[in-house]
């Protein structure tokens, strides 16, 4: 299991990678780009791990 600090570092690293990748490509190509989409998916997963939803799906 990863520590919260490790997850935050990875989240920051992925955000920098996404920003660098987007800055290198024309504005019209960044939307729908598979690399950008994959990085954004990983970012969303890590954010979910940090802020897990509370409650129960099965009531």
Protein backbone atom coordinates (compact mmCIF):
# COMPACT_ATOMS: atom_id res chain seq x y z
CA UNK A 1 0.00 0.00 0.00
CA UNK A 2 1.31 3.43 -0.92
CA UNK A 3 1.51 6.22 1.60
CA UNK A 4 -0.45 9.41 1.12
CA UNK A 5 2.77 11.33 0.44
CA UNK A 6 3.79 8.87 -2.29
CA UNK A 7 0.39 9.23 -3.96
CA UNK A 8 0.59 13.02 -3.79
CA UNK A 9 4.08 12.99 -5.34
CA UNK A 10 2.87 10.75 -8.18
CA UNK A 11 -0.17 12.98 -8.68
CA UNK A 12 2.09 16.04 -8.92
CA UNK A 13 4.44 14.22 -11.34
CA UNK A 14 1.55 13.21 -13.61
CA UNK A 15 0.16 16.74 -13.56
CA UNK A 16 3.54 18.10 -14.67
CA UNK A 17 3.76 15.47 -17.43
CA UNK A 18 0.27 16.39 -18.67
CA UNK A 19 1.04 20.12 -18.62
CA UNK A 20 4.32 19.59 -20.48
CA UNK A 21 2.66 17.37 -23.07
CA UNK A 22 -0.19 19.82 -23.63
CA UNK A 23 2.19 22.78 -23.90
CA UNK A 24 4.16 21.03 -26.67
CA UNK A 25 1.17 20.38 -28.92
CA UNK A 26 -1.15 22.77 -30.75
CA UNK A 27 -4.32 23.66 -28.83
CA UNK A 28 -6.59 21.76 -31.20
CA UNK A 29 -4.62 18.51 -30.82
CA UNK A 30 -4.55 18.32 -27.01
CA UNK A 31 -8.27 17.50 -26.74
CA UNK A 32 -8.83 13.80 -27.36
CA UNK A 33 -5.14 12.96 -27.48
CA UNK A 34 -4.69 9.38 -26.21
CA UNK A 35 -1.57 10.21 -24.14
CA UNK A 36 -3.25 13.18 -22.46
CA UNK A 37 -6.41 11.13 -21.87
CA UNK A 38 -4.41 8.29 -20.28
CA UNK A 39 -2.55 10.67 -17.96
CA UNK A 40 -5.81 12.38 -16.98
CA UNK A 41 -7.36 8.98 -16.20
CA UNK A 42 -4.42 8.13 -13.93
CA UNK A 43 -4.75 11.53 -12.23
CA UNK A 44 -8.46 10.93 -11.61
CA UNK A 45 -7.75 7.50 -10.11
CA UNK A 46 -5.13 8.91 -7.75
CA UNK A 47 -7.44 11.75 -6.72
CA UNK A 48 -10.14 9.17 -5.99
CA UNK A 49 -7.70 7.21 -3.81
CA UNK A 50 -6.87 10.36 -1.83
CA UNK A 51 -10.51 11.43 -1.47
CA UNK A 52 -12.40 8.16 -1.33
CA UNK A 53 -16.15 8.62 -1.35
CA UNK A 54 -17.82 8.10 1.98
CA UNK A 55 -20.98 6.18 2.52
CA UNK A 56 -22.23 2.93 1.11
CA UNK A 57 -23.44 2.02 -2.33
CA UNK A 58 -25.53 -0.79 -0.86
CA UNK A 59 -28.03 0.54 1.63
